[in-house]
């Protein structure tokens, strides 16, 4: 739909291991930084038409709707039934990856398969 509406591309913040499979590339390749003039590994671009972004450069600002306020989260959680909290391996891998810049290599012990493990608690044995 976006392509039919005339958009040249889509910019997201997400897990590169997942979104690269769908054709997204690092925003740095398109000279599109974030507001702090950085190129995070998790800021990705999908060109909707070949070479549509060849002459584009600049920065992207995401809506403040994505700014999560912990006190608001806590207020909402109080209205829900209690549930044990834990972090999964996929969440742990996501936090690691989004903290990297586009040119940063993945750590030597980085295992892309763990990016999709949303059942195993973080820091637990795989055995």
Foldseek 3Di string as FASTA:
>chain_A
DCVVVPDQKDKDFDDCLVCVVVVWDFCVVLQEAAPVSFGFLRTTMHGPDPCSSVPDHYYDYDDCVPVDDVVVVVVVVVVDDDDDDFAALLNVLGVQRRVHGNPDDRDPPDDSVSNPGRDHGPPDDPD
